[in-house]
Amino acid sequence: MSDSCGCPPEAGAAMCRPPITARPVRCPTNQQVGKVVDTLTVKAMLAVPLTQILPVEYRFCRDPNCPTVYYGTGLLQLFTEVDLRERVYQKHFHEEDVFVCYCFQHTGQSIRTELQTTGKSTVIEAINAGIQAGQCACDIRNPQGSCCLGNVRTVVQRLQSELGIPPD
């Protein structure tokens, strides 16, 4: 016999993985479909007691105009940035003091400073080297629950354009 998530009763709720929903689930605040994010990411990012984490699938709302960061599907539950340990790049992509890379703590300002000082950015190569060395944990440390390189590339390109520096 197993419970609703398919786990045997002796596994306990802590071992239970939420079922993956087949249809997209919309953010209760802005009605946009969020990206599925692992519960481990939500647990790592939250600055609230983990007893508040329900055994549901969580989604990430990237809309900068929406206060919701994570929302649980099935049972209505949501977390805003106030509930998190870090500010969220997707919510503050124009603020240069927010981490764009959470594993290696690169910000828009650190990238801007390197570009102004040297005329180029080595941040992408540095992150790739960290990934190769096994030092990356984007799935846990990045609020979006996945690799930051797309965000970092966007910041580098935007700053190069702003500063009149040709792309590499």
C-alpha atoms as a PDB file:
ATOM      1  CA  MET A   1       0.000   0.000   0.000  1.00  0.00           C
ATOM      2  CA  SER A   2       1.233   3.521  -0.745  1.00  0.00           C
ATOM      3  CA  ASP A   3      -0.008   7.041  -0.109  1.00  0.00           C
ATOM      4  CA  SER A   4      -1.130   9.587  -2.742  1.00  0.00           C
ATOM      5  CA  CYS A   5       2.431  10.346  -3.890  1.00  0.00           C
ATOM      6  CA  GLY A   6       3.307   6.695  -4.419  1.00  0.00           C
ATOM      7  CA  CYS A   7       5.596   6.359  -1.389  1.00  0.00           C
ATOM      8  CA  PRO A   8       5.146   3.485   1.058  1.00  0.00           C
ATOM      9  CA  PRO A   9       3.815   4.737   4.431  1.00  0.00           C
ATOM     10  CA  GLU A  10       7.053   3.764   6.208  1.00  0.00           C
ATOM     11  CA  ALA A  11       8.998   6.234   4.013  1.00  0.00           C
ATOM     12  CA  GLY A  12       7.430   9.132   5.861  1.00  0.00           C
ATOM     13  CA  ALA A  13       6.419  12.498   4.460  1.00  0.00           C
ATOM     14  CA  ALA A  14      10.021  13.752   4.341  1.00  0.00           C
ATOM     15  CA  MET A  15      10.864  11.240   1.606  1.00  0.00           C
ATOM     16  CA  CYS A  16       7.763  11.922  -0.418  1.00  0.00           C
ATOM     17  CA  ARG A  17       8.268  13.659  -3.779  1.00  0.00           C
ATOM     18  CA  PRO A  18       5.363  15.736  -5.045  1.00  0.00           C
ATOM     19  CA  PRO A  19       3.672  14.395  -8.143  1.00  0.00           C
ATOM     20  CA  ILE A  20       4.538  16.276 -11.326  1.00  0.00           C
ATOM     21  CA  THR A  21       1.494  17.983 -12.778  1.00  0.00           C
ATOM     22  CA  ALA A  22       0.788  17.370 -16.447  1.00  0.00           C
ATOM     23  CA  ARG A  23      -0.650  20.794 -17.231  1.00  0.00           C
ATOM     24  CA  PRO A  24       0.999  24.169 -16.784  1.00  0.00           C
ATOM     25  CA  VAL A  25       0.033  25.835 -13.550  1.00  0.00           C
ATOM     26  CA  ARG A  26      -0.326  29.590 -13.434  1.00  0.00           C
ATOM     27  CA  CYS A  27       1.023  31.934 -10.782  1.00  0.00           C
ATOM     28  CA  PRO A  28      -1.902  32.868  -8.530  1.00  0.00           C
ATOM     29  CA  THR A  29      -0.740  36.499  -8.533  1.00  0.00           C
ATOM     30  CA  ASN A  30      -0.192  37.291 -12.226  1.00  0.00           C
ATOM     31  CA  GLN A  31      -1.635  34.220 -14.003  1.00  0.00           C
ATOM     32  CA  GLN A  32       1.608  33.499 -15.927  1.00  0.00           C
ATOM     33  CA  VAL A  33       2.892  29.931 -16.138  1.00  0.00           C
ATOM     34  CA  GLY A  34       5.944  29.474 -13.926  1.00  0.00           C
ATOM     35  CA  LYS A  35       8.902  27.137 -14.379  1.00  0.00           C
ATOM     36  CA  VAL A  36       8.943  23.955 -12.290  1.00  0.00           C
ATOM     37  CA  VAL A  37      11.664  24.190  -9.654  1.00  0.00           C
ATOM     38  CA  ASP A  38      12.934  21.425  -7.396  1.00  0.00           C
ATOM     39  CA  THR A  39      11.747  21.507  -3.795  1.00  0.00           C
ATOM     40  CA  LEU A  40      15.406  21.396  -2.718  1.00  0.00           C
ATOM     41  CA  THR A  41      15.938  24.796  -4.389  1.00  0.00           C
ATOM     42  CA  VAL A  42      12.915  26.232  -2.581  1.00  0.00           C
ATOM     43  CA  LYS A  43      14.167  24.857   0.749  1.00  0.00           C
ATOM     44  CA  ALA A  44      17.647  26.303   0.163  1.00  0.00           C
ATOM     45  CA  MET A  45      16.344  29.736  -0.797  1.00  0.00           C
ATOM     46  CA  LEU A  46      13.709  30.227   1.881  1.00  0.00           C
ATOM     47  CA  ALA A  47      14.467  32.039   5.120  1.00  0.00           C
ATOM     48  CA  VAL A  48      11.366  30.658   6.821  1.00  0.00           C
ATOM     49  CA  PRO A  49      10.935  27.480   8.866  1.00  0.00           C
ATOM     50  CA  LEU A  50      10.989  24.508   6.530  1.00  0.00           C
ATOM     51  CA  THR A  51       7.845  23.210   8.193  1.00  0.00           C
ATOM     52  CA  GLN A  52       6.103  25.695   5.889  1.00  0.00           C
ATOM     53  CA  ILE A  53       7.152  23.655   2.828  1.00  0.00           C
ATOM     54  CA  LEU A  54       4.249  21.551   1.633  1.00  0.00           C
ATOM     55  CA  PRO A  55       4.608  18.282  -0.313  1.00  0.00           C
ATOM     56  CA  VAL A  56       3.565  19.901  -3.606  1.00  0.00           C
ATOM     57  CA  GLU A  57       5.233  20.843  -6.870  1.00  0.00           C
ATOM     58  CA  TYR A  58       6.717  24.351  -6.759  1.00  0.00           C
ATOM     59  CA  ARG A  59       7.051  26.802  -9.601  1.00  0.00           C
ATOM     60  CA  PHE A  60       9.221  29.887 -10.056  1.00  0.00           C
ATOM     61  CA  CYS A  61       7.619  33.142 -11.226  1.00  0.00           C
ATOM     62  CA  ARG A  62      10.245  35.211 -13.047  1.00  0.00           C
ATOM     63  CA  ASP A  63       8.030  38.228 -13.790  1.00  0.00           C
ATOM     64  CA  PRO A  64       9.765  41.306 -12.313  1.00  0.00           C
ATOM     65  CA  ASN A  65       6.384  42.990 -11.794  1.00  0.00           C
ATOM     66  CA  CYS A  66       5.021  40.121  -9.706  1.00  0.00           C
ATOM     67  CA  PRO A  67       5.872  39.867  -5.996  1.00  0.00           C
ATOM     68  CA  THR A  68       5.525  36.064  -6.038  1.00  0.00           C
ATOM     69  CA  VAL A  69       8.773  34.113  -6.398  1.00  0.00           C
ATOM     70  CA  TYR A  70       7.610  30.548  -5.686  1.00  0.00           C
ATOM     71  CA  TYR A  71       4.128  29.111  -5.640  1.00  0.00           C
ATOM     72  CA  GLY A  72       2.950  25.646  -4.817  1.00  0.00           C
ATOM     73  CA  THR A  73       0.601  23.826  -7.116  1.00  0.00           C
ATOM     74  CA  GLY A  74      -2.459  21.981  -5.913  1.00  0.00           C
ATOM     75  CA  LEU A  75      -2.605  23.650  -2.528  1.00  0.00           C
ATOM     76  CA  LEU A  76      -2.407  27.418  -2.737  1.00  0.00           C
ATOM     77  CA  GLN A  77       0.904  28.518  -1.268  1.00  0.00           C
ATOM     78  CA  LEU A  78       3.223  31.271  -2.324  1.00  0.00           C
ATOM     79  CA  PHE A  79       6.463  32.861  -1.230  1.00  0.00           C
ATOM     80  CA  THR A  80       7.663  36.366  -2.018  1.00  0.00           C
ATOM     81  CA  GLU A  81      11.167  37.812  -1.875  1.00  0.00           C
ATOM     82  CA  VAL A  82      10.591  38.766   1.746  1.00  0.00           C
ATOM     83  CA  ASP A  83      10.596  35.029   2.506  1.00  0.00           C
ATOM     84  CA  LEU A  84      13.934  34.400   0.736  1.00  0.00           C
ATOM     85  CA  ARG A  85      17.595  34.550   1.790  1.00  0.00           C
ATOM     86  CA  GLU A  86      18.623  36.346  -1.440  1.00  0.00           C
ATOM     87  CA  ARG A  87      17.228  38.966  -3.742  1.00  0.00           C
ATOM     88  CA  VAL A  88      16.165  37.477  -7.067  1.00  0.00           C
ATOM     89  CA  TYR A  89      17.949  38.556 -10.249  1.00  0.00           C
ATOM     90  CA  GLN A  90      14.837  38.078 -12.397  1.00  0.00           C
ATOM     91  CA  LYS A  91      12.931  40.486 -10.146  1.00  0.00           C
ATOM     92  CA  HIS A  92      15.757  43.087 -10.131  1.00  0.00           C
ATOM     93  CA  PHE A  93      17.647  42.540 -13.391  1.00  0.00           C
ATOM     94  CA  HIS A  94      18.508  46.245 -13.716  1.00  0.00           C
ATOM     95  CA  GLU A  95      19.882  46.550 -10.171  1.00  0.00           C
ATOM     96  CA  GLU A  96      23.605  45.943 -10.370  1.00  0.00           C
ATOM     97  CA  ASP A  97      24.100  44.884  -6.742  1.00  0.00           C
ATOM     98  CA  VAL A  98      21.943  41.751  -7.111  1.00  0.00           C
ATOM     99  CA  PHE A  99      23.714  38.459  -7.824  1.00  0.00           C
ATOM    100  CA  VAL A 100      23.362  37.308 -11.406  1.00  0.00           C
ATOM    101  CA  CYS A 101      25.544  34.291 -10.517  1.00  0.00           C
ATOM    102  CA  TYR A 102      24.767  32.962  -7.051  1.00  0.00           C
ATOM    103  CA  CYS A 103      27.448  30.249  -6.920  1.00  0.00           C
ATOM    104  CA  PHE A 104      30.386  32.561  -7.606  1.00  0.00           C
ATOM    105  CA  GLN A 105      28.696  35.783  -6.461  1.00  0.00           C
ATOM    106  CA  HIS A 106      28.995  37.836  -9.622  1.00  0.00           C
ATOM    107  CA  THR A 107      26.831  40.950  -9.814  1.00  0.00           C
ATOM    108  CA  GLY A 108      26.109  43.376 -12.603  1.00  0.00           C
ATOM    109  CA  GLN A 109      28.402  45.823 -10.809  1.00  0.00           C
ATOM    110  CA  SER A 110      31.334  43.386 -10.644  1.00  0.00           C
ATOM    111  CA  ILE A 111      30.914  42.658 -14.353  1.00  0.00           C
ATOM    112  CA  ARG A 112      30.666  46.388 -15.133  1.00  0.00           C
ATOM    113  CA  THR A 113      33.813  47.117 -13.107  1.00  0.00           C
ATOM    114  CA  GLU A 114      35.814  44.456 -14.968  1.00  0.00           C
ATOM    115  CA  LEU A 115      34.583  45.756 -18.335  1.00  0.00           C
ATOM    116  CA  GLN A 116      35.482  49.342 -17.420  1.00  0.00           C
ATOM    117  CA  THR A 117      38.876  48.341 -16.058  1.00  0.00           C
ATOM    118  CA  THR A 118      40.019  45.832 -18.669  1.00  0.00           C
ATOM    119  CA  GLY A 119      37.724  46.373 -21.656  1.00  0.00           C
ATOM    120  CA  LYS A 120      36.576  42.748 -21.536  1.00  0.00           C
ATOM    121  CA  SER A 121      34.780  40.300 -19.291  1.00  0.00           C
ATOM    122  CA  THR A 122      36.140  36.978 -18.104  1.00  0.00           C
ATOM    123  CA  VAL A 123      33.063  36.123 -16.030  1.00  0.00           C
ATOM    124  CA  ILE A 124      31.691  33.487 -18.428  1.00  0.00           C
ATOM    125  CA  GLU A 125      35.059  31.717 -18.620  1.00  0.00           C
ATOM    126  CA  ALA A 126      35.399  31.904 -14.824  1.00  0.00           C
ATOM    127  CA  ILE A 127      31.952  30.387 -14.317  1.00  0.00           C
ATOM    128  CA  ASN A 128      32.665  27.653 -16.875  1.00  0.00           C
ATOM    129  CA  ALA A 129      35.938  26.862 -15.057  1.00  0.00           C
ATOM    130  CA  GLY A 130      34.008  26.630 -11.773  1.00  0.00           C
ATOM    131  CA  ILE A 131      31.475  24.306 -13.381  1.00  0.00           C
ATOM    132  CA  GLN A 132      34.301  22.094 -14.715  1.00  0.00           C
ATOM    133  CA  ALA A 133      35.834  22.028 -11.228  1.00  0.00           C
ATOM    134  CA  GLY A 134      32.544  20.824  -9.742  1.00  0.00           C
ATOM    135  CA  GLN A 135      32.014  24.031  -7.768  1.00  0.00           C
ATOM    136  CA  CYS A 136      28.662  24.989  -9.266  1.00  0.00           C
ATOM    137  CA  ALA A 137      25.353  24.468  -7.472  1.00  0.00           C
ATOM    138  CA  CYS A 138      22.924  26.518  -9.583  1.00  0.00           C
ATOM    139  CA  ASP A 139      20.209  23.920  -9.061  1.00  0.00           C
ATOM    140  CA  ILE A 140      20.278  24.805  -5.353  1.00  0.00           C
ATOM    141  CA  ARG A 141      21.741  28.321  -5.043  1.00  0.00           C
ATOM    142  CA  ASN A 142      20.080  30.055  -7.985  1.00  0.00           C
ATOM    143  CA  PRO A 143      16.451  30.996  -7.230  1.00  0.00           C
ATOM    144  CA  GLN A 144      15.406  29.913 -10.741  1.00  0.00           C
ATOM    145  CA  GLY A 145      16.781  26.432  -9.963  1.00  0.00           C
ATOM    146  CA  SER A 146      18.957  26.209 -13.064  1.00  0.00           C
ATOM    147  CA  CYS A 147      22.173  27.483 -14.624  1.00  0.00           C
ATOM    148  CA  CYS A 148      22.865  31.221 -14.545  1.00  0.00           C
ATOM    149  CA  LEU A 149      24.951  31.409 -17.729  1.00  0.00           C
ATOM    150  CA  GLY A 150      22.087  32.670 -19.895  1.00  0.00           C
ATOM    151  CA  ASN A 151      21.466  35.496 -17.436  1.00  0.00           C
ATOM    152  CA  VAL A 152      25.195  36.265 -17.183  1.00  0.00           C
ATOM    153  CA  ARG A 153      25.569  36.398 -20.981  1.00  0.00           C
ATOM    154  CA  THR A 154      22.632  38.820 -21.171  1.00  0.00           C
ATOM    155  CA  VAL A 155      24.209  41.096 -18.547  1.00  0.00           C
ATOM    156  CA  VAL A 156      27.623  41.025 -20.251  1.00  0.00           C
ATOM    157  CA  GLN A 157      26.074  41.855 -23.631  1.00  0.00           C
ATOM    158  CA  ARG A 158      23.923  44.650 -22.180  1.00  0.00           C
ATOM    159  CA  LEU A 159      26.870  46.216 -20.362  1.00  0.00           C
ATOM    160  CA  GLN A 160      29.168  45.908 -23.365  1.00  0.00           C
ATOM    161  CA  SER A 161      26.562  47.739 -25.416  1.00  0.00           C
ATOM    162  CA  GLU A 162      26.063  50.424 -22.739  1.00  0.00           C
ATOM    163  CA  LEU A 163      29.824  50.969 -22.418  1.00  0.00           C
ATOM    164  CA  GLY A 164      30.484  50.871 -26.166  1.00  0.00           C
ATOM    165  CA  ILE A 165      32.672  47.779 -25.889  1.00  0.00           C
ATOM    166  CA  PRO A 166      32.480  45.427 -28.885  1.00  0.00           C
ATOM    167  CA  PRO A 167      31.353  41.870 -28.084  1.00  0.00           C
ATOM    168  CA  ASP A 168      34.052  39.232 -27.722  1.00  0.00           C
END
